[in-house]
Protein backbone atom coordinates (compact mmCIF):
# COMPACT_ATOMS: atom_id res chain seq x y z
CA MET A 1 34.18 -23.32 33.30
CA SER A 2 30.58 -24.39 32.60
CA ALA A 3 29.87 -27.96 31.62
CA LEU A 4 29.72 -28.78 27.95
CA PRO A 5 26.09 -29.44 26.93
CA ALA A 6 25.31 -32.80 25.50
CA PRO A 7 25.41 -32.87 21.66
CA GLU A 8 22.04 -32.75 19.94
CA ARG A 9 20.65 -32.75 16.40
CA VAL A 10 20.34 -29.21 15.05
CA GLU A 11 18.50 -28.62 11.76
CA GLY A 12 18.01 -25.77 9.32
CA PHE A 13 14.34 -24.97 8.63
CA GLY A 14 14.56 -26.75 5.24
CA LEU A 15 15.54 -29.97 7.12
CA TYR A 16 18.17 -30.67 4.46
CA ASN A 17 21.12 -29.43 6.51
CA VAL A 18 21.89 -30.97 9.90
CA SER A 19 24.66 -30.77 12.47
CA VAL A 20 25.22 -32.58 15.77
CA SER A 21 26.41 -29.91 18.20
CA PRO A 22 26.46 -28.94 21.86
CA VAL A 23 23.82 -26.23 22.28
CA TYR A 24 24.05 -23.51 24.91
CA ARG A 25 20.76 -21.71 25.76
CA PRO A 26 21.66 -18.69 27.90
CA SER A 27 18.78 -16.83 29.52
CA SER A 28 20.79 -13.79 30.61
CA LEU A 29 23.84 -11.75 29.65
CA ASN A 30 25.91 -13.39 32.37
CA ALA A 31 24.92 -16.83 31.18
CA LEU A 32 25.91 -15.84 27.65
CA ARG A 33 29.27 -14.58 28.92
CA ASP A 34 29.79 -17.93 30.66
CA ALA A 35 28.97 -19.83 27.51
CA LEU A 36 31.41 -17.74 25.47
CA ALA A 37 34.11 -18.20 28.09
CA ALA A 38 33.57 -21.98 28.03
CA CYS A 39 33.88 -21.99 24.23
CA ALA A 40 37.03 -19.86 24.37
CA ALA A 41 38.60 -22.11 26.97
CA ARG A 42 38.10 -25.10 24.66
CA GLY A 43 39.36 -23.20 21.64
CA GLU A 44 35.97 -23.54 19.96
CA ALA A 45 34.25 -20.95 17.76
CA PRO A 46 30.47 -20.98 18.40
CA VAL A 47 27.76 -20.25 15.86
CA PHE A 48 24.89 -18.05 17.11
CA ARG A 49 21.33 -19.16 16.40
CA GLY A 50 17.96 -17.54 16.86
CA SER A 51 14.79 -19.60 16.19
CA GLY A 52 16.47 -21.64 13.46
CA ARG A 53 14.32 -20.21 10.64
CA SER A 54 17.15 -19.89 8.11
CA TYR A 55 16.35 -22.53 5.52
CA GLY A 56 19.91 -23.83 5.20
CA ASP A 57 23.04 -24.11 7.28
CA ALA A 58 23.48 -20.53 8.47
CA SER A 59 22.82 -21.36 12.14
CA LEU A 60 24.48 -24.81 12.19
CA ASN A 61 27.98 -25.66 13.31
CA ALA A 62 29.42 -28.99 12.21
CA LEU A 63 32.73 -28.13 13.90
CA GLY A 64 31.62 -27.00 17.35
CA PRO A 65 28.95 -25.53 19.64
CA VAL A 66 25.81 -23.54 18.86
CA ILE A 67 24.58 -20.74 21.14
CA GLU A 68 20.83 -20.27 20.88
CA MET A 69 19.89 -16.67 21.69
CA THR A 70 16.14 -16.97 22.20
CA GLY A 71 16.45 -16.60 26.00
CA LEU A 72 17.53 -12.97 25.62
CA ASN A 73 14.07 -11.79 24.65
CA ALA A 74 13.06 -9.01 27.04
CA ILE A 75 11.57 -5.71 25.84
CA ALA A 76 13.74 -3.09 27.57
CA GLY A 77 11.73 -0.04 26.55
CA PHE A 78 9.41 1.61 24.07
CA ASP A 79 9.09 5.30 23.15
CA GLU A 80 5.59 5.83 21.82
CA ALA A 81 6.45 9.29 20.51
CA THR A 82 9.20 7.97 18.20
CA GLY A 83 8.06 4.35 17.81
CA ILE A 84 11.48 3.08 18.84
CA VAL A 85 11.55 -0.19 20.76
CA ARG A 86 14.60 -1.63 22.51
CA ALA A 87 14.49 -5.42 22.79
CA GLY A 88 16.68 -8.43 23.31
CA ALA A 89 18.08 -10.07 20.23
CA GLY A 90 16.14 -13.25 21.00
CA LEU A 91 12.70 -11.58 20.82
CA THR A 92 10.75 -12.90 17.86
CA LEU A 93 8.81 -10.78 15.39
CA GLY A 94 5.71 -12.55 16.70
CA ALA A 95 6.29 -11.44 20.24
CA LEU A 96 7.10 -7.96 18.98
CA TRP A 97 3.93 -7.45 16.97
CA GLN A 98 1.82 -8.85 19.81
CA PHE A 99 3.38 -6.20 22.07
CA SER A 100 3.13 -3.34 19.58
CA ILE A 101 -0.22 -3.81 17.77
CA PRO A 102 -2.39 -2.73 20.77
CA LEU A 103 -0.28 0.42 20.85
CA GLY A 104 -0.97 1.12 17.16
CA PHE A 105 2.46 0.06 15.84
CA TRP A 106 3.73 -2.69 13.50
CA PRO A 107 7.27 -3.82 12.63
CA PRO A 108 8.41 -1.90 9.51
CA VAL A 109 9.69 -5.03 7.75
CA VAL A 110 8.63 -8.61 8.47
CA THR A 111 9.65 -11.91 6.95
CA GLY A 112 7.18 -14.58 5.85
CA THR A 113 7.34 -16.08 9.32
CA MET A 114 6.88 -14.35 12.67
CA HIS A 115 9.27 -16.77 14.38
CA VAL A 116 12.41 -14.98 13.26
CA THR A 117 14.36 -13.30 16.08
CA LEU A 118 15.43 -9.66 15.98
CA GLY A 119 19.10 -10.57 16.21
CA GLY A 120 18.77 -13.05 13.34
CA ALA A 121 16.81 -10.52 11.30
CA VAL A 122 19.58 -7.95 11.65
CA ALA A 123 22.36 -10.49 11.05
CA MET A 124 20.68 -11.44 7.74
CA ASN A 125 19.33 -7.93 7.08
CA VAL A 126 16.00 -9.49 6.10
CA HIS A 127 13.44 -8.08 3.68
CA GLY A 128 9.68 -8.55 3.28
CA LYS A 129 6.76 -8.08 0.91
CA ASN A 130 7.16 -4.29 1.09
CA GLY A 131 10.77 -4.36 -0.18
CA TRP A 132 10.32 -1.42 -2.56
CA ARG A 133 8.67 0.92 -0.01
CA LYS A 134 10.55 -0.08 3.16
CA GLY A 135 13.77 -1.77 2.00
CA THR A 136 15.40 -4.13 4.46
CA ILE A 137 15.06 -4.20 8.23
CA GLY A 138 18.48 -2.52 8.50
CA ASP A 139 16.91 0.65 7.12
CA HIS A 140 14.88 0.90 10.36
CA VAL A 141 17.43 -0.18 12.99
CA GLU A 142 18.64 2.76 15.12
CA SER A 143 21.33 0.85 17.00
CA VAL A 144 22.52 -2.59 17.98
CA SER A 145 24.23 -3.71 21.19
CA VAL A 146 27.00 -6.28 20.76
CA LEU A 147 28.76 -8.37 23.40
CA LYS A 148 32.50 -7.91 22.90
CA SER A 149 35.20 -10.47 23.59
CA ASP A 150 36.17 -8.76 26.85
CA GLY A 151 32.62 -9.04 28.21
CA ARG A 152 31.57 -5.45 27.56
CA VAL A 153 28.28 -4.59 25.88
CA GLU A 154 28.88 -1.94 23.18
CA GLU A 155 25.99 0.01 21.69
CA ILE A 156 26.63 0.79 18.02
CA ALA A 157 24.57 3.52 16.30
CA ARG A 158 23.50 3.46 12.65
CA GLY A 159 25.63 5.61 10.36
CA THR A 160 28.95 4.37 11.80
CA PRO A 161 31.44 1.93 10.24
CA ALA A 162 30.94 -0.46 13.12
CA PHE A 163 27.18 -0.53 12.41
CA ASP A 164 27.83 -1.35 8.75
CA ASP A 165 30.02 -4.24 9.88
CA VAL A 166 27.22 -5.74 12.01
CA LEU A 167 24.32 -5.32 9.61
CA GLY A 168 24.06 -8.39 7.39
CA ASN A 169 27.03 -10.05 9.14
CA TRP A 170 25.51 -13.51 9.65
CA ARG A 171 28.63 -15.01 11.25
CA PRO A 172 29.81 -12.33 13.71
CA GLN A 173 32.57 -12.78 16.25
CA GLY A 174 30.48 -11.09 18.94
CA PRO A 175 26.76 -11.69 19.20
CA ILE A 176 24.06 -9.04 18.93
CA VAL A 177 22.33 -8.93 22.33
CA GLU A 178 19.90 -6.00 21.85
CA VAL A 179 18.30 -4.17 18.95
CA SER A 180 16.78 -0.70 18.80
CA LEU A 181 14.17 -0.69 16.04
CA ARG A 182 11.86 2.07 14.80
CA LEU A 183 8.35 0.66 14.35
CA LYS A 184 5.74 2.16 12.03
CA ARG A 185 2.51 3.62 13.27
CA VAL A 186 -0.68 2.08 11.85
CA ALA A 187 -4.23 3.46 11.99
CA THR A 188 -5.74 -0.03 11.78
CA GLY A 189 -4.49 -3.60 11.79
CA TYR A 190 -5.84 -4.28 8.31
CA LEU A 191 -4.72 -4.11 4.69
CA ASP A 192 -6.74 -3.57 1.51
CA VAL A 193 -5.53 -6.35 -0.77
CA GLU A 194 -6.00 -6.87 -4.49
CA ALA A 195 -5.15 -10.15 -6.25
CA PHE A 196 -5.00 -10.78 -10.01
CA ALA A 197 -3.45 -13.16 -12.48
CA THR A 198 -0.67 -12.35 -14.97
CA PRO A 199 -0.35 -14.65 -18.02
CA ASN A 200 3.44 -14.74 -18.48
CA LEU A 201 6.78 -13.50 -17.12
CA THR A 202 6.75 -10.24 -19.04
CA ALA A 203 3.32 -9.36 -17.70
CA THR A 204 4.32 -10.40 -14.19
CA LEU A 205 7.42 -8.22 -14.11
CA ASP A 206 5.49 -5.31 -15.58
CA ALA A 207 2.69 -5.64 -13.04
CA LEU A 208 5.07 -5.72 -10.08
CA ASP A 209 7.01 -2.76 -11.40
CA ARG A 210 3.90 -0.64 -12.11
CA ALA A 211 2.48 -1.48 -8.65
CA LYS A 212 5.56 -0.52 -6.62
CA ASP A 213 4.84 3.17 -6.27
CA GLY A 214 1.12 2.94 -5.59
CA TRP A 215 1.04 0.02 -3.18
CA ASP A 216 2.80 -0.63 0.13
CA TYR A 217 3.18 -4.39 -0.45
CA VAL A 218 3.92 -6.03 -3.80
CA VAL A 219 4.40 -9.77 -4.18
CA GLY A 220 3.57 -12.58 -6.59
CA TRP A 221 3.22 -16.34 -6.50
CA MET A 222 4.66 -17.86 -9.72
CA ASP A 223 3.73 -21.18 -11.35
CA CYS A 224 7.13 -22.56 -12.36
CA TRP A 225 5.52 -25.58 -14.00
CA ALA A 226 4.04 -23.45 -16.79
CA ALA A 227 5.90 -23.49 -20.10
CA GLY A 228 5.58 -22.02 -23.57
CA ALA A 229 3.45 -18.93 -23.77
CA GLY A 230 2.58 -19.23 -20.08
CA LEU A 231 6.16 -19.27 -18.82
CA GLY A 232 6.32 -17.16 -15.62
CA ARG A 233 2.55 -16.83 -15.16
CA SER A 234 1.69 -15.66 -11.66
CA VAL A 235 -0.89 -14.53 -9.18
CA VAL A 236 0.07 -11.02 -7.95
CA HIS A 237 -0.97 -9.61 -4.58
CA VAL A 238 -0.76 -5.87 -3.87
CA ALA A 239 -1.83 -4.23 -0.59
CA ASN A 240 -2.12 -0.86 1.13
CA GLU A 241 -2.81 -0.02 4.74
CA HIS A 242 -6.57 0.16 5.38
CA ALA A 243 -7.81 3.64 6.28
CA LEU A 244 -9.80 3.94 9.47
CA LYS A 245 -13.51 4.37 8.89
CA GLU A 246 -16.15 5.31 11.43
CA GLY A 247 -17.87 2.36 12.93
CA GLU A 248 -15.34 -0.20 11.76
CA PRO A 249 -13.22 -2.31 14.10
CA ARG A 250 -9.61 -1.06 14.27
CA GLY A 251 -8.07 -4.55 14.40
CA LEU A 252 -5.50 -3.38 16.96
CA SER A 253 -5.65 -6.43 19.24
CA VAL A 254 -4.09 -9.87 19.07
CA ALA A 255 -7.54 -11.46 18.94
CA GLU A 256 -8.67 -9.30 16.02
CA GLN A 257 -5.43 -9.96 14.15
CA THR A 258 -5.78 -13.71 14.35
CA ALA A 259 -9.57 -13.91 13.89
CA ASP A 260 -9.39 -13.98 10.06
CA VAL A 261 -6.38 -16.29 9.71
CA ARG A 262 -7.82 -19.18 7.77
CA MET A 263 -6.16 -21.89 5.69
CA GLY A 264 -9.38 -22.66 3.84
CA PRO A 265 -12.36 -24.83 4.90
CA LEU A 266 -10.28 -27.83 5.94
CA PRO A 267 -8.73 -28.26 9.43
CA ALA A 268 -4.97 -27.95 9.82
CA PRO A 269 -4.32 -31.73 10.26
CA VAL A 270 -6.08 -32.49 6.94
CA LEU A 271 -4.18 -29.70 5.19
CA LEU A 272 -0.88 -31.02 6.58
CA LEU A 273 -1.69 -34.50 5.34
CA GLY A 274 -2.50 -33.09 1.91
CA LEU A 275 0.78 -31.17 1.86
CA ARG A 276 2.67 -34.28 2.92
CA LEU A 277 1.13 -36.22 0.04
CA THR A 278 1.83 -33.60 -2.59
CA ALA A 279 4.89 -31.53 -1.53
CA GLY A 280 7.57 -33.77 -3.00
CA GLY A 281 5.77 -34.99 -6.07
CA PRO A 282 4.43 -34.05 -9.52
CA GLN A 283 1.05 -33.41 -7.94
CA MET A 284 2.32 -29.87 -7.24
CA ARG A 285 1.90 -29.17 -10.97
CA LEU A 286 -1.88 -29.55 -10.47
CA VAL A 287 -1.86 -27.46 -7.26
CA ASN A 288 -0.09 -24.63 -9.08
CA LEU A 289 -2.36 -24.92 -12.09
CA ALA A 290 -5.52 -24.80 -9.88
CA LYS A 291 -4.29 -21.71 -8.04
CA TYR A 292 -3.57 -19.83 -11.25
CA VAL A 293 -6.82 -20.87 -13.01
CA SER A 294 -8.89 -19.86 -9.98
CA ALA A 295 -7.26 -16.44 -9.84
CA ALA A 296 -7.67 -15.91 -13.59
CA ALA A 297 -11.34 -16.90 -13.43
CA HIS A 298 -12.14 -14.49 -10.59
CA GLY A 299 -10.53 -11.50 -12.24
CA ARG A 300 -9.12 -8.67 -10.09
CA LYS A 301 -10.36 -9.44 -6.57
CA ARG A 302 -10.31 -6.94 -3.67
CA TYR A 303 -10.63 -7.82 -0.01
CA ARG A 304 -9.61 -6.76 3.48
CA GLN A 305 -7.10 -8.83 5.46
CA SER A 306 -5.31 -8.50 8.78
CA LEU A 307 -1.61 -7.72 8.82
CA VAL A 308 -0.97 -11.08 10.45
CA ALA A 309 -2.95 -13.09 7.93
CA PHE A 310 -1.27 -11.31 5.01
CA SER A 311 2.21 -11.62 6.45
CA PHE A 312 2.33 -14.95 8.33
CA LEU A 313 -0.31 -17.28 6.92
CA LEU A 314 1.88 -20.42 6.93
CA ASP A 315 2.70 -19.94 10.61
CA TYR A 316 -0.85 -21.07 11.27
CA LEU A 317 -0.13 -24.42 9.64
CA PRO A 318 2.25 -25.71 12.37
CA GLY A 319 5.11 -27.90 11.21
CA TRP A 320 4.38 -27.49 7.50
CA ASN A 321 8.07 -27.96 6.67
CA GLU A 322 7.82 -31.49 8.14
CA ALA A 323 5.84 -32.46 5.04
CA TYR A 324 9.15 -32.46 3.13
CA ARG A 325 10.76 -35.22 5.17
CA PRO A 326 12.74 -37.36 4.84
CA GLY A 327 14.89 -35.37 2.42
CA GLY A 328 13.84 -31.86 3.36
CA PHE A 329 13.82 -29.01 0.88
CA ILE A 330 16.09 -26.32 -0.47
CA GLN A 331 15.09 -22.71 -1.05
CA TYR A 332 17.22 -20.73 -3.46
CA GLN A 333 16.44 -17.04 -3.87
CA LEU A 334 17.83 -15.13 -6.83
CA PHE A 335 18.13 -11.36 -6.69
CA VAL A 336 18.55 -9.78 -10.12
CA PRO A 337 18.85 -6.16 -11.31
CA LYS A 338 15.84 -4.76 -13.09
CA ALA A 339 17.60 -4.34 -16.42
CA ALA A 340 18.54 -8.03 -16.53
CA ALA A 341 15.40 -9.44 -14.90
CA GLY A 342 13.50 -10.51 -17.97
CA ALA A 343 16.29 -12.55 -19.51
CA ALA A 344 17.72 -13.82 -16.24
CA LEU A 345 14.46 -15.04 -14.73
CA GLU A 346 13.36 -16.60 -18.03
CA LYS A 347 16.65 -18.52 -18.01
CA ALA A 348 16.11 -19.54 -14.39
CA LEU A 349 12.71 -20.98 -15.25
CA ARG A 350 14.03 -22.83 -18.32
CA LEU A 351 16.95 -24.21 -16.36
CA GLN A 352 14.48 -25.93 -14.03
CA HIS A 353 12.64 -27.60 -16.91
CA ASP A 354 15.90 -28.65 -18.56
CA ALA A 355 17.07 -30.18 -15.28
CA GLY A 356 13.76 -31.93 -14.63
CA VAL A 357 13.61 -30.30 -11.20
CA VAL A 358 10.81 -27.70 -10.92
CA SER A 359 10.08 -25.48 -7.91
CA SER A 360 6.96 -26.51 -6.03
CA LEU A 361 6.43 -23.00 -4.67
CA ALA A 362 7.90 -19.77 -6.03
CA VAL A 363 7.56 -16.16 -4.83
CA ILE A 364 8.57 -13.08 -6.80
CA LYS A 365 9.03 -9.58 -5.31
CA ARG A 366 10.07 -6.08 -6.43
CA HIS A 367 12.88 -4.46 -4.41
CA ARG A 368 14.70 -1.18 -4.05
CA ALA A 369 18.49 -1.23 -3.81
CA ASP A 370 20.11 -1.83 -0.40
CA PRO A 371 23.11 0.52 -0.16
CA SER A 372 24.68 -1.13 2.90
CA PRO A 373 28.20 -2.57 2.41
CA ARG A 374 26.96 -6.14 2.80
CA GLY A 375 23.79 -5.53 0.81
CA TYR A 376 22.46 -8.33 -1.35
CA VAL A 377 19.39 -6.50 -2.75
CA PRO A 378 19.66 -4.63 -6.08
CA ASP A 379 17.11 -2.35 -7.64
CA GLY A 380 15.22 -5.19 -9.24
CA PHE A 381 13.44 -8.45 -8.49
CA SER A 382 13.86 -11.55 -6.41
CA LEU A 383 12.58 -15.05 -7.13
CA ALA A 384 12.48 -17.53 -4.21
CA LEU A 385 12.29 -21.16 -5.28
CA ASP A 386 11.39 -24.15 -3.07
CA PHE A 387 12.69 -27.55 -4.16
CA PRO A 388 11.92 -30.81 -2.36
CA VAL A 389 15.03 -32.98 -2.00
CA THR A 390 14.63 -36.64 -2.87
CA ARG A 391 16.99 -39.53 -3.65
CA ARG A 392 16.03 -39.22 -7.31
CA ASN A 393 16.63 -35.49 -7.76
CA ALA A 394 19.37 -34.58 -5.24
CA SER A 395 22.32 -34.57 -7.62
CA ARG A 396 20.34 -32.77 -10.34
CA LEU A 397 19.16 -30.21 -7.80
CA VAL A 398 22.69 -29.36 -6.68
CA ARG A 399 23.77 -28.97 -10.33
CA LEU A 400 20.75 -26.69 -10.88
CA CYS A 401 21.83 -24.51 -7.95
CA ARG A 402 25.33 -24.32 -9.44
CA ALA A 403 23.71 -23.16 -12.70
CA PHE A 404 21.79 -20.49 -10.73
CA ASP A 405 25.15 -19.36 -9.26
CA ALA A 406 26.57 -18.92 -12.74
CA LEU A 407 23.42 -17.06 -13.83
CA LEU A 408 23.71 -14.59 -10.96
CA LEU A 409 27.38 -13.96 -11.71
CA GLU A 410 26.53 -13.40 -15.34
CA CYS A 411 23.74 -10.87 -14.73
CA GLY A 412 25.21 -9.06 -11.70
CA GLY A 413 22.78 -10.61 -9.26
CA ARG A 414 23.06 -11.78 -5.65
CA ALA A 415 22.09 -14.78 -3.52
CA TYR A 416 20.62 -14.62 -0.06
CA ARG A 417 22.33 -16.44 2.81
CA ALA A 418 19.16 -16.96 4.87
CA LYS A 419 17.80 -19.14 2.07
CA ASP A 420 20.79 -20.80 0.39
CA CYS A 421 22.27 -24.00 1.85
CA VAL A 422 24.39 -25.44 -0.94
CA GLY A 423 27.35 -23.10 -1.01
CA SER A 424 26.39 -20.51 -3.65
CA VAL A 425 27.13 -17.51 -1.41
CA GLU A 426 30.71 -18.68 -0.88
CA ARG A 427 31.14 -19.00 -4.66
CA LEU A 428 29.67 -15.61 -5.31
CA ALA A 429 31.71 -14.01 -2.52
CA GLY A 430 34.92 -15.48 -3.98
CA ALA A 431 34.12 -13.95 -7.32
CA ARG A 432 33.41 -10.55 -5.82
CA GLY A 433 36.30 -10.15 -3.43
CA GLY A 434 34.39 -11.29 -0.35
CA ARG A 435 31.15 -9.29 -0.67
CA PRO A 436 28.22 -11.67 -0.37
């Protein structure tokens, strides 16, 4: 039996949830088998962890060991005719796009960070800014390979009951060790982006809904501090793949993809200091106001942007979540059906003002329904809300999240386990007979 690793501090990305756990870091299938055997011999149930990018407690284990899967990250094969790549569950989306972009391919669905692992993405069935066009990542997974309790590796194809049991199963008994994913072919590495301001919630929802069929990517940043006639005002970004034109660079290299990633005129250390000074305080009201006013003043703005800059901008501000220490932050993401979206999201915004706890950063998206048995995405909208946690607001913030739980139950909505860290998924699952 392998030696028990020394306990260490393990955090969720929001830094609010922490466990002290032994952490196994296998670099091969045999090492993973040994780690599982050691856990079984001690009667311990491990939790599997990728890069730790879930905001809450999804990859923490207060009762036992954690097995970090990032060492199983090899690319086993790629079929350029079909676009299907086979890769270890510990491969990150960043490593995947760096492999695929020179070949003219891009992952079909990416999260807001490239540091998510493939195994974690499948276990959470993640979505992206193209949720209406491309759905969740599970819509593009051809098969998964799972390590069974007897040491066998079983490949499970999509369309089978066993596949449905793995997709979105964030606490599996057997870990995903390999994923077969169909990538999308791209003519260039660029997007044509348009940005414009919407004055209130009704206009924001209408703009996102009208854009969904004509644009590949549809997403909005919302100013939750706004009230009255401006409640729900936003800056909407829509984007389509850029068509290749003669004489233009194709953008199909890592260097070209990262060349236009800019966080503004200030260097990263200065930006991080500014974020640290404003992230947890009322200054964010001014930041949100300035962003909206600037977008409204410029009118509808069109520009070209690399896939990486559009998708992963915050990854180029290393350690930005550290600005929220010491309390960390919570992200709560509400998914609501289209028919209920206006009333439900208006109530979600008003609940924040009533509680005196307002989201410092909010992102709204349009989604198509996910038909998988563990699906959390309705035909409707999602609103992701970031809340700094402080001594002064912690109890009010938890009560606000409980109010969001009740709101989702009332409107037929869903919560998202990769974001939540205060128990709402368990409450919602209990009310729906176990379906998260």
